Amino acid sequence: MTHVGLSLLALAFSLLNAFTREIQNAFLGNDPRILRSLLAPDSYVQISLPPPIGFSDQVSDEQAFLLFAEIFSTARTSGFYPEGDVLRTLNRGAFIFKARWEFLTTNRIPGAFRILFYVQVRPSPRPGKALWKITQIRADRIGTGFP
């Protein structure tokens, strides 16, 4: 019985790592399509990003896709690094993924955010899809220059 429990735990961590790697790939590739696939369809995500991006609202997955398409076209990612406690587990299968997002604006001004993704377990309508979906994206400005 213990072996089955450990196997399920290992599988869960493997899926979580794949999920957080997809978030990283979305930002490193400046690809809003990958990010959209990690949002719950037909629901809303709270997004709060400080200046120089300056956006805060609750949007649909389609609006989030359009927003990040615009963001990635004007603030190209130069680095995306998981930070410290990469996964902070919360109640009912939810967790927070924390990372440092470095970008360069079209004016060649560097920026860096500490960005948090609040992820919750969501039922999947299609087999083989991730069990987790991003429900909030929040960031704090770290500074205007890279260390």
C-alpha atoms as a PDB file:
ATOM      1  CA  MET A   1       0.000   0.000   0.000  1.00  0.00           C
ATOM      2  CA  THR A   2       2.856   2.382   0.815  1.00  0.00           C
ATOM      3  CA  HIS A   3       4.395   1.697  -2.594  1.00  0.00           C
ATOM      4  CA  VAL A   4       1.150   2.773  -4.331  1.00  0.00           C
ATOM      5  CA  GLY A   5       1.020   5.975  -2.248  1.00  0.00           C
ATOM      6  CA  LEU A   6       4.625   6.825  -3.086  1.00  0.00           C
ATOM      7  CA  SER A   7       3.998   6.103  -6.758  1.00  0.00           C
ATOM      8  CA  LEU A   8       0.992   8.447  -6.787  1.00  0.00           C
ATOM      9  CA  LEU A   9       3.014  11.142  -5.005  1.00  0.00           C
ATOM     10  CA  ALA A  10       5.855  10.782  -7.527  1.00  0.00           C
ATOM     11  CA  LEU A  11       3.335  11.014 -10.378  1.00  0.00           C
ATOM     12  CA  ALA A  12       1.789  14.158  -8.870  1.00  0.00           C
ATOM     13  CA  PHE A  13       5.202  15.841  -8.542  1.00  0.00           C
ATOM     14  CA  SER A  14       6.046  14.851 -12.098  1.00  0.00           C
ATOM     15  CA  LEU A  15       2.830  16.432 -13.375  1.00  0.00           C
ATOM     16  CA  LEU A  16       3.439  19.563 -11.278  1.00  0.00           C
ATOM     17  CA  ASN A  17       6.953  19.895 -12.695  1.00  0.00           C
ATOM     18  CA  ALA A  18       5.592  19.537 -16.225  1.00  0.00           C
ATOM     19  CA  PHE A  19       2.946  22.187 -15.475  1.00  0.00           C
ATOM     20  CA  THR A  20       5.437  24.709 -14.061  1.00  0.00           C
ATOM     21  CA  ARG A  21       7.809  23.977 -16.955  1.00  0.00           C
ATOM     22  CA  GLU A  22       4.982  24.949 -19.341  1.00  0.00           C
ATOM     23  CA  ILE A  23       4.599  28.287 -17.525  1.00  0.00           C
ATOM     24  CA  GLN A  24       8.345  28.808 -17.911  1.00  0.00           C
ATOM     25  CA  ASN A  25       8.196  27.864 -21.609  1.00  0.00           C
ATOM     26  CA  ALA A  26       5.353  30.353 -22.202  1.00  0.00           C
ATOM     27  CA  PHE A  27       7.394  33.222 -20.804  1.00  0.00           C
ATOM     28  CA  LEU A  28      10.784  32.223 -22.237  1.00  0.00           C
ATOM     29  CA  GLY A  29       9.194  31.719 -25.661  1.00  0.00           C
ATOM     30  CA  ASN A  30       7.035  34.859 -25.372  1.00  0.00           C
ATOM     31  CA  ASP A  31       4.177  32.552 -26.377  1.00  0.00           C
ATOM     32  CA  PRO A  32       0.706  33.490 -25.089  1.00  0.00           C
ATOM     33  CA  ARG A  33      -0.778  30.317 -26.645  1.00  0.00           C
ATOM     34  CA  ILE A  34       1.070  28.125 -24.139  1.00  0.00           C
ATOM     35  CA  LEU A  35      -0.074  30.346 -21.283  1.00  0.00           C
ATOM     36  CA  ARG A  36      -3.677  30.241 -22.513  1.00  0.00           C
ATOM     37  CA  SER A  37      -3.629  26.442 -22.445  1.00  0.00           C
ATOM     38  CA  LEU A  38      -2.830  26.641 -18.717  1.00  0.00           C
ATOM     39  CA  LEU A  39      -5.896  28.782 -17.944  1.00  0.00           C
ATOM     40  CA  ALA A  40      -9.311  27.347 -17.224  1.00  0.00           C
ATOM     41  CA  PRO A  41     -11.542  27.748 -20.294  1.00  0.00           C
ATOM     42  CA  ASP A  42     -14.861  29.507 -19.766  1.00  0.00           C
ATOM     43  CA  SER A  43     -13.744  31.038 -16.466  1.00  0.00           C
ATOM     44  CA  TYR A  44     -11.875  34.115 -15.342  1.00  0.00           C
ATOM     45  CA  VAL A  45      -8.328  34.783 -14.187  1.00  0.00           C
ATOM     46  CA  GLN A  46      -7.285  37.689 -11.972  1.00  0.00           C
ATOM     47  CA  ILE A  47      -4.197  39.423 -13.407  1.00  0.00           C
ATOM     48  CA  SER A  48      -2.326  42.170 -11.575  1.00  0.00           C
ATOM     49  CA  LEU A  49       0.924  43.503 -13.054  1.00  0.00           C
ATOM     50  CA  PRO A  50       2.656  46.723 -11.906  1.00  0.00           C
ATOM     51  CA  PRO A  51       4.226  49.390 -14.171  1.00  0.00           C
ATOM     52  CA  PRO A  52       5.745  49.480 -16.702  1.00  0.00           C
ATOM     53  CA  ILE A  53       3.053  47.009 -17.804  1.00  0.00           C
ATOM     54  CA  GLY A  54       0.437  48.341 -15.397  1.00  0.00           C
ATOM     55  CA  PHE A  55      -2.632  46.092 -15.633  1.00  0.00           C
ATOM     56  CA  SER A  56      -5.078  44.822 -13.031  1.00  0.00           C
ATOM     57  CA  ASP A  57      -8.407  43.169 -13.791  1.00  0.00           C
ATOM     58  CA  GLN A  58     -10.295  39.898 -13.964  1.00  0.00           C
ATOM     59  CA  VAL A  59     -10.346  38.596 -17.546  1.00  0.00           C
ATOM     60  CA  SER A  60     -11.463  35.568 -19.558  1.00  0.00           C
ATOM     61  CA  ASP A  61      -8.953  33.104 -20.978  1.00  0.00           C
ATOM     62  CA  GLU A  62      -9.372  34.750 -24.421  1.00  0.00           C
ATOM     63  CA  GLN A  63      -8.768  38.229 -22.980  1.00  0.00           C
ATOM     64  CA  ALA A  64      -5.721  36.915 -21.071  1.00  0.00           C
ATOM     65  CA  PHE A  65      -4.383  35.493 -24.338  1.00  0.00           C
ATOM     66  CA  LEU A  66      -4.794  38.871 -26.079  1.00  0.00           C
ATOM     67  CA  LEU A  67      -3.294  40.718 -23.107  1.00  0.00           C
ATOM     68  CA  PHE A  68      -0.201  38.501 -22.981  1.00  0.00           C
ATOM     69  CA  ALA A  69       0.160  38.631 -26.767  1.00  0.00           C
ATOM     70  CA  GLU A  70       0.426  42.419 -26.387  1.00  0.00           C
ATOM     71  CA  ILE A  71       2.712  42.186 -23.348  1.00  0.00           C
ATOM     72  CA  PHE A  72       5.069  39.720 -25.016  1.00  0.00           C
ATOM     73  CA  SER A  73       5.255  41.931 -28.120  1.00  0.00           C
ATOM     74  CA  THR A  74       6.337  44.973 -26.079  1.00  0.00           C
ATOM     75  CA  ALA A  75       8.227  43.367 -23.176  1.00  0.00           C
ATOM     76  CA  ARG A  76      10.392  40.519 -24.456  1.00  0.00           C
ATOM     77  CA  THR A  77      11.404  37.996 -21.813  1.00  0.00           C
ATOM     78  CA  SER A  78      15.132  37.834 -21.193  1.00  0.00           C
ATOM     79  CA  GLY A  79      14.949  35.517 -18.188  1.00  0.00           C
ATOM     80  CA  PHE A  80      12.455  33.486 -16.206  1.00  0.00           C
ATOM     81  CA  TYR A  81      13.716  31.784 -13.051  1.00  0.00           C
ATOM     82  CA  PRO A  82      11.730  29.776 -10.487  1.00  0.00           C
ATOM     83  CA  GLU A  83      12.484  31.224  -7.041  1.00  0.00           C
ATOM     84  CA  GLY A  84      13.061  29.805  -3.579  1.00  0.00           C
ATOM     85  CA  ASP A  85      10.171  27.660  -2.519  1.00  0.00           C
ATOM     86  CA  VAL A  86       9.067  26.961  -6.074  1.00  0.00           C
ATOM     87  CA  LEU A  87       5.851  25.345  -5.000  1.00  0.00           C
ATOM     88  CA  ARG A  88       3.957  26.429  -1.926  1.00  0.00           C
ATOM     89  CA  THR A  89       1.153  23.951  -1.326  1.00  0.00           C
ATOM     90  CA  LEU A  90      -2.181  25.262  -0.128  1.00  0.00           C
ATOM     91  CA  ASN A  91      -5.454  23.575   0.802  1.00  0.00           C
ATOM     92  CA  ARG A  92      -7.441  21.397  -1.594  1.00  0.00           C
ATOM     93  CA  GLY A  93      -4.659  20.785  -4.129  1.00  0.00           C
ATOM     94  CA  ALA A  94      -3.918  24.434  -4.866  1.00  0.00           C
ATOM     95  CA  PHE A  95      -0.372  25.802  -4.967  1.00  0.00           C
ATOM     96  CA  ILE A  96       1.590  28.962  -5.720  1.00  0.00           C
ATOM     97  CA  PHE A  97       4.393  28.943  -8.258  1.00  0.00           C
ATOM     98  CA  LYS A  98       6.838  31.830  -7.733  1.00  0.00           C
ATOM     99  CA  ALA A  99       9.393  33.037 -10.271  1.00  0.00           C
ATOM    100  CA  ARG A 100      11.537  36.001 -11.286  1.00  0.00           C
ATOM    101  CA  TRP A 101      10.568  37.387 -14.707  1.00  0.00           C
ATOM    102  CA  GLU A 102      13.108  39.626 -16.417  1.00  0.00           C
ATOM    103  CA  PHE A 103      12.195  41.474 -19.592  1.00  0.00           C
ATOM    104  CA  LEU A 104      13.343  44.210 -21.907  1.00  0.00           C
ATOM    105  CA  THR A 105      10.811  46.735 -23.191  1.00  0.00           C
ATOM    106  CA  THR A 106      10.744  47.951 -26.777  1.00  0.00           C
ATOM    107  CA  ASN A 107      12.504  51.105 -25.474  1.00  0.00           C
ATOM    108  CA  ARG A 108      15.349  48.821 -24.298  1.00  0.00           C
ATOM    109  CA  ILE A 109      14.473  49.458 -20.648  1.00  0.00           C
ATOM    110  CA  PRO A 110      15.072  46.392 -18.454  1.00  0.00           C
ATOM    111  CA  GLY A 111      12.460  45.344 -15.918  1.00  0.00           C
ATOM    112  CA  ALA A 112      12.109  42.572 -13.396  1.00  0.00           C
ATOM    113  CA  PHE A 113       9.045  41.249 -11.594  1.00  0.00           C
ATOM    114  CA  ARG A 114       8.564  38.667  -8.892  1.00  0.00           C
ATOM    115  CA  ILE A 115       5.578  36.874 -10.386  1.00  0.00           C
ATOM    116  CA  LEU A 116       3.218  34.512  -8.603  1.00  0.00           C
ATOM    117  CA  PHE A 117       0.865  32.043 -10.252  1.00  0.00           C
ATOM    118  CA  TYR A 118      -1.992  30.770  -8.103  1.00  0.00           C
ATOM    119  CA  VAL A 119      -2.904  27.351  -9.434  1.00  0.00           C
ATOM    120  CA  GLN A 120      -5.970  25.299  -8.513  1.00  0.00           C
ATOM    121  CA  VAL A 121      -7.156  21.805  -9.329  1.00  0.00           C
ATOM    122  CA  ARG A 122      -9.837  21.948 -12.027  1.00  0.00           C
ATOM    123  CA  PRO A 123     -11.790  19.118 -13.615  1.00  0.00           C
ATOM    124  CA  SER A 124     -10.492  18.384 -17.078  1.00  0.00           C
ATOM    125  CA  PRO A 125     -13.105  17.983 -19.836  1.00  0.00           C
ATOM    126  CA  ARG A 126     -10.482  16.248 -22.012  1.00  0.00           C
ATOM    127  CA  PRO A 127      -8.426  13.231 -20.934  1.00  0.00           C
ATOM    128  CA  GLY A 128      -4.688  13.775 -20.757  1.00  0.00           C
ATOM    129  CA  LYS A 129      -4.905  17.488 -19.961  1.00  0.00           C
ATOM    130  CA  ALA A 130      -3.355  19.033 -16.851  1.00  0.00           C
ATOM    131  CA  LEU A 131      -5.410  18.830 -13.710  1.00  0.00           C
ATOM    132  CA  TRP A 132      -4.251  22.268 -12.617  1.00  0.00           C
ATOM    133  CA  LYS A 133      -5.204  25.640 -14.067  1.00  0.00           C
ATOM    134  CA  ILE A 134      -3.897  29.130 -13.340  1.00  0.00           C
ATOM    135  CA  THR A 135      -6.566  31.250 -11.634  1.00  0.00           C
ATOM    136  CA  GLN A 136      -4.452  34.290 -10.657  1.00  0.00           C
ATOM    137  CA  ILE A 137      -1.284  35.954 -11.880  1.00  0.00           C
ATOM    138  CA  ARG A 138       0.195  38.651  -9.636  1.00  0.00           C
ATOM    139  CA  ALA A 139       3.513  40.433  -9.791  1.00  0.00           C
ATOM    140  CA  ASP A 140       5.584  42.899  -7.790  1.00  0.00           C
ATOM    141  CA  ARG A 141       8.255  45.049  -9.331  1.00  0.00           C
ATOM    142  CA  ILE A 142      11.760  44.084  -8.223  1.00  0.00           C
ATOM    143  CA  GLY A 143      13.580  46.986  -9.825  1.00  0.00           C
ATOM    144  CA  THR A 144      14.408  48.565 -13.134  1.00  0.00           C
ATOM    145  CA  GLY A 145      17.736  46.883 -13.729  1.00  0.00           C
ATOM    146  CA  PHE A 146      18.985  43.341 -13.655  1.00  0.00           C
ATOM    147  CA  PRO A 147      21.411  42.320 -10.903  1.00  0.00           C
END
